Amino acid sequence: MINFIEPRFSITHNNTSLQVYHVKKGEGLPQHEHLYSHLVFCHAGKIIIRKEGKSAEMTATSQPVNLVANEWHEIEALEDDTIFMNVFDIVSAGGTNNYEMPAQNYLSGIAPVPGGGLSPKDQLELYLGSMIQKILAETIDSTV
C-alpha cells in the first residue's frame, strides 16, 4: 500500500502546474485517475508508475512519462530520498488562468533589471525560473 504524500512544492505559471514530491520508499500517490493527462519526471532516486496492466520504473536518466486522461495510475517511490514531479495544464484539469495575477502583484515591487525594464510578465517568468532552479538545487543538495 502506497502512503499518500502531499507535494513539497507546487508552482503554477500561466496554464502549467508543477508539483514536486520529496518521498521515502513506499510513499507517493496511490491509485487514482484524472480527466486530464500529465507528465511525470523523476529527478532523483527511483519510482514505479503502475497503470492498467502496465508498469514502468523511472530514475533521473529516464525520459518523462505521459499519463493519459481517464486511466487509473499510481506512483510509488522505490528508494528513500526520491524526488519526482508532475506537470499538467491547469485549464484542462478544470482550473482557470487566475494564478498569474497574484504572482504578478507579488512581483510588482521587484525592481527591473538595470537597463532591462522587464514587464511584470517577464519578471514573473524570471522569478519562476529562478524558483525552479532553487528547488532543483535544494533537491540535489538534499540527496548528496
C-alpha atoms as a PDB file:
ATOM      1  CA  MET A   1       0.000   0.000   0.000  1.00  0.00           C
ATOM      2  CA  ILE A   2       1.349   3.402  -1.011  1.00  0.00           C
ATOM      3  CA  ASN A   3       1.468   6.070   1.700  1.00  0.00           C
ATOM      4  CA  PHE A   4      -0.004   9.277   0.219  1.00  0.00           C
ATOM      5  CA  ILE A   5       2.188  12.362   0.409  1.00  0.00           C
ATOM      6  CA  GLU A   6       1.424  15.994  -0.471  1.00  0.00           C
ATOM      7  CA  PRO A   7       3.758  17.870  -2.837  1.00  0.00           C
ATOM      8  CA  ARG A   8       6.626  19.667  -1.142  1.00  0.00           C
ATOM      9  CA  PHE A   9       6.415  22.462  -3.711  1.00  0.00           C
ATOM     10  CA  SER A  10       3.614  23.477  -6.036  1.00  0.00           C
ATOM     11  CA  ILE A  11       4.245  26.150  -8.665  1.00  0.00           C
ATOM     12  CA  THR A  12       1.734  27.446 -11.187  1.00  0.00           C
ATOM     13  CA  HIS A  13       2.501  29.759 -14.089  1.00  0.00           C
ATOM     14  CA  ASN A  14       0.098  30.627 -16.879  1.00  0.00           C
ATOM     15  CA  ASN A  15      -1.604  27.318 -17.653  1.00  0.00           C
ATOM     16  CA  THR A  16       1.060  24.994 -16.257  1.00  0.00           C
ATOM     17  CA  SER A  17       1.309  23.491 -12.792  1.00  0.00           C
ATOM     18  CA  LEU A  18       4.444  21.805 -11.447  1.00  0.00           C
ATOM     19  CA  GLN A  19       4.170  19.668  -8.312  1.00  0.00           C
ATOM     20  CA  VAL A  20       7.423  18.486  -6.722  1.00  0.00           C
ATOM     21  CA  TYR A  21       7.333  15.496  -4.362  1.00  0.00           C
ATOM     22  CA  HIS A  22      10.102  14.523  -1.908  1.00  0.00           C
ATOM     23  CA  VAL A  23       9.337  10.974  -0.824  1.00  0.00           C
ATOM     24  CA  LYS A  24      10.681   7.992   1.027  1.00  0.00           C
ATOM     25  CA  LYS A  25      10.386   4.382  -0.061  1.00  0.00           C
ATOM     26  CA  GLY A  26       6.719   3.335  -0.134  1.00  0.00           C
ATOM     27  CA  GLU A  27       5.376   6.904  -0.336  1.00  0.00           C
ATOM     28  CA  GLY A  28       3.771   8.550  -3.353  1.00  0.00           C
ATOM     29  CA  LEU A  29       0.364   8.811  -4.950  1.00  0.00           C
ATOM     30  CA  PRO A  30      -1.991   5.825  -4.511  1.00  0.00           C
ATOM     31  CA  GLN A  31      -4.247   4.661  -7.335  1.00  0.00           C
ATOM     32  CA  HIS A  32      -6.314   7.481  -8.823  1.00  0.00           C
ATOM     33  CA  GLU A  33      -7.330   8.918 -12.191  1.00  0.00           C
ATOM     34  CA  HIS A  34      -7.954  12.338 -13.738  1.00  0.00           C
ATOM     35  CA  LEU A  35      -9.963  13.881 -16.514  1.00  0.00           C
ATOM     36  CA  TYR A  36      -6.623  15.257 -17.818  1.00  0.00           C
ATOM     37  CA  SER A  37      -3.211  13.891 -18.745  1.00  0.00           C
ATOM     38  CA  HIS A  38       0.049  14.846 -17.054  1.00  0.00           C
ATOM     39  CA  LEU A  39       3.785  14.305 -17.347  1.00  0.00           C
ATOM     40  CA  VAL A  40       5.889  12.592 -14.675  1.00  0.00           C
ATOM     41  CA  PHE A  41       9.615  13.297 -14.244  1.00  0.00           C
ATOM     42  CA  CYS A  42      11.925  11.537 -11.784  1.00  0.00           C
ATOM     43  CA  HIS A  43      14.624  13.927 -10.564  1.00  0.00           C
ATOM     44  CA  ALA A  44      16.383  11.692  -8.008  1.00  0.00           C
ATOM     45  CA  GLY A  45      16.019   8.182  -6.653  1.00  0.00           C
ATOM     46  CA  LYS A  46      13.640   5.714  -8.263  1.00  0.00           C
ATOM     47  CA  ILE A  47       9.873   5.460  -8.762  1.00  0.00           C
ATOM     48  CA  ILE A  48       7.499   2.952 -10.269  1.00  0.00           C
ATOM     49  CA  ILE A  49       4.426   4.031 -12.175  1.00  0.00           C
ATOM     50  CA  ARG A  50       1.652   1.486 -12.371  1.00  0.00           C
ATOM     51  CA  LYS A  51      -1.381   1.779 -14.620  1.00  0.00           C
ATOM     52  CA  GLU A  52      -3.948  -0.533 -16.140  1.00  0.00           C
ATOM     53  CA  GLY A  53      -1.896  -3.662 -16.875  1.00  0.00           C
ATOM     54  CA  LYS A  54       1.460  -1.853 -17.221  1.00  0.00           C
ATOM     55  CA  SER A  55       4.266  -0.584 -15.030  1.00  0.00           C
ATOM     56  CA  ALA A  56       7.486   1.330 -15.582  1.00  0.00           C
ATOM     57  CA  GLU A  57      10.380   2.180 -13.308  1.00  0.00           C
ATOM     58  CA  MET A  58      11.954   5.617 -13.639  1.00  0.00           C
ATOM     59  CA  THR A  59      15.175   7.267 -12.483  1.00  0.00           C
ATOM     60  CA  ALA A  60      16.706  10.673 -13.169  1.00  0.00           C
ATOM     61  CA  THR A  61      18.008   9.396 -16.510  1.00  0.00           C
ATOM     62  CA  SER A  62      14.577   8.203 -17.679  1.00  0.00           C
ATOM     63  CA  GLN A  63      12.553  10.041 -20.263  1.00  0.00           C
ATOM     64  CA  PRO A  64       9.409  11.685 -18.817  1.00  0.00           C
ATOM     65  CA  VAL A  65       6.219   9.620 -18.974  1.00  0.00           C
ATOM     66  CA  ASN A  66       2.868  10.951 -20.169  1.00  0.00           C
ATOM     67  CA  LEU A  67      -0.045   9.546 -18.168  1.00  0.00           C
ATOM     68  CA  VAL A  68      -3.149   9.885 -20.314  1.00  0.00           C
ATOM     69  CA  ALA A  69      -6.520  11.102 -19.092  1.00  0.00           C
ATOM     70  CA  ASN A  70      -9.162   8.777 -17.661  1.00  0.00           C
ATOM     71  CA  GLU A  71      -6.821   5.868 -16.833  1.00  0.00           C
ATOM     72  CA  TRP A  72      -6.032   4.906 -13.254  1.00  0.00           C
ATOM     73  CA  HIS A  73      -2.400   5.135 -12.239  1.00  0.00           C
ATOM     74  CA  GLU A  74      -0.238   5.267  -9.131  1.00  0.00           C
ATOM     75  CA  ILE A  75       3.289   6.454  -8.404  1.00  0.00           C
ATOM     76  CA  GLU A  76       5.425   4.869  -5.682  1.00  0.00           C
ATOM     77  CA  ALA A  77       8.968   5.607  -4.521  1.00  0.00           C
ATOM     78  CA  LEU A  78      11.240   2.568  -4.601  1.00  0.00           C
ATOM     79  CA  GLU A  79      14.030   4.338  -2.684  1.00  0.00           C
ATOM     80  CA  ASP A  80      14.334   6.860   0.125  1.00  0.00           C
ATOM     81  CA  ASP A  81      15.142  10.455  -0.875  1.00  0.00           C
ATOM     82  CA  THR A  82      13.302  10.147  -4.186  1.00  0.00           C
ATOM     83  CA  ILE A  83      12.126  13.295  -5.946  1.00  0.00           C
ATOM     84  CA  PHE A  84       9.548  13.260  -8.708  1.00  0.00           C
ATOM     85  CA  MET A  85       7.493  15.922 -10.436  1.00  0.00           C
ATOM     86  CA  ASN A  86       4.060  16.026 -12.027  1.00  0.00           C
ATOM     87  CA  VAL A  87       3.422  18.669 -14.695  1.00  0.00           C
ATOM     88  CA  PHE A  88      -0.045  19.398 -16.035  1.00  0.00           C
ATOM     89  CA  ASP A  89      -2.171  22.012 -17.754  1.00  0.00           C
ATOM     90  CA  ILE A  90      -4.480  23.571 -15.160  1.00  0.00           C
ATOM     91  CA  VAL A  91      -7.126  24.602 -17.682  1.00  0.00           C
ATOM     92  CA  SER A  92      -7.612  21.036 -18.936  1.00  0.00           C
ATOM     93  CA  ALA A  93      -7.592  19.998 -15.271  1.00  0.00           C
ATOM     94  CA  GLY A  94     -10.650  22.183 -14.701  1.00  0.00           C
ATOM     95  CA  GLY A  95      -8.830  25.240 -13.374  1.00  0.00           C
ATOM     96  CA  THR A  96      -8.537  28.740 -14.734  1.00  0.00           C
ATOM     97  CA  ASN A  97      -5.703  31.049 -15.607  1.00  0.00           C
ATOM     98  CA  ASN A  98      -6.244  33.199 -12.490  1.00  0.00           C
ATOM     99  CA  TYR A  99      -2.936  32.178 -10.921  1.00  0.00           C
ATOM    100  CA  GLU A 100      -0.839  34.711 -12.803  1.00  0.00           C
ATOM    101  CA  MET A 101      -2.202  37.876 -11.212  1.00  0.00           C
ATOM    102  CA  PRO A 102      -1.271  37.166  -7.563  1.00  0.00           C
ATOM    103  CA  ALA A 103       2.252  36.269  -8.639  1.00  0.00           C
ATOM    104  CA  GLN A 104       2.484  39.425 -10.763  1.00  0.00           C
ATOM    105  CA  ASN A 105       1.170  41.517  -7.873  1.00  0.00           C
ATOM    106  CA  TYR A 106       3.785  39.949  -5.615  1.00  0.00           C
ATOM    107  CA  LEU A 107       6.489  40.773  -8.142  1.00  0.00           C
ATOM    108  CA  SER A 108       5.315  44.339  -8.731  1.00  0.00           C
ATOM    109  CA  GLY A 109       7.690  45.542  -6.002  1.00  0.00           C
ATOM    110  CA  ILE A 110      10.739  43.993  -7.640  1.00  0.00           C
ATOM    111  CA  ALA A 111      12.910  46.499  -9.455  1.00  0.00           C
ATOM    112  CA  PRO A 112      13.529  45.754 -13.113  1.00  0.00           C
ATOM    113  CA  VAL A 113      16.950  44.540 -14.132  1.00  0.00           C
ATOM    114  CA  PRO A 114      19.114  47.654 -14.696  1.00  0.00           C
ATOM    115  CA  GLY A 115      18.722  48.691 -18.333  1.00  0.00           C
ATOM    116  CA  GLY A 116      16.245  45.870 -18.865  1.00  0.00           C
ATOM    117  CA  GLY A 117      12.887  47.376 -17.954  1.00  0.00           C
ATOM    118  CA  LEU A 118      11.235  43.961 -17.599  1.00  0.00           C
ATOM    119  CA  SER A 119       7.474  43.777 -17.758  1.00  0.00           C
ATOM    120  CA  PRO A 120       5.622  42.138 -14.841  1.00  0.00           C
ATOM    121  CA  LYS A 121       5.081  39.044 -17.008  1.00  0.00           C
ATOM    122  CA  ASP A 122       8.827  38.813 -17.803  1.00  0.00           C
ATOM    123  CA  GLN A 123       9.625  39.370 -14.106  1.00  0.00           C
ATOM    124  CA  LEU A 124       7.240  36.538 -13.246  1.00  0.00           C
ATOM    125  CA  GLU A 125       8.875  34.199 -15.754  1.00  0.00           C
ATOM    126  CA  LEU A 126      12.325  35.134 -14.442  1.00  0.00           C
ATOM    127  CA  TYR A 127      11.150  34.626 -10.852  1.00  0.00           C
ATOM    128  CA  LEU A 128       9.543  31.234 -11.566  1.00  0.00           C
ATOM    129  CA  GLY A 129      12.627  30.123 -13.496  1.00  0.00           C
ATOM    130  CA  SER A 130      14.838  31.034 -10.532  1.00  0.00           C
ATOM    131  CA  MET A 131      12.432  29.298  -8.130  1.00  0.00           C
ATOM    132  CA  ILE A 132      12.577  26.094 -10.184  1.00  0.00           C
ATOM    133  CA  GLN A 133      16.380  26.314 -10.243  1.00  0.00           C
ATOM    134  CA  LYS A 134      16.366  26.864  -6.463  1.00  0.00           C
ATOM    135  CA  ILE A 135      14.073  23.862  -5.926  1.00  0.00           C
ATOM    136  CA  LEU A 136      16.230  21.658  -8.115  1.00  0.00           C
ATOM    137  CA  ALA A 137      19.409  22.875  -6.387  1.00  0.00           C
ATOM    138  CA  GLU A 138      17.842  22.199  -2.982  1.00  0.00           C
ATOM    139  CA  THR A 139      16.732  18.754  -4.053  1.00  0.00           C
ATOM    140  CA  ILE A 140      20.220  17.979  -5.332  1.00  0.00           C
ATOM    141  CA  ASP A 141      21.750  19.151  -2.036  1.00  0.00           C
ATOM    142  CA  SER A 142      19.308  17.031  -0.063  1.00  0.00           C
ATOM    143  CA  THR A 143      20.226  13.856  -1.920  1.00  0.00           C
ATOM    144  CA  VAL A 144      24.007  14.072  -1.513  1.00  0.00           C
END
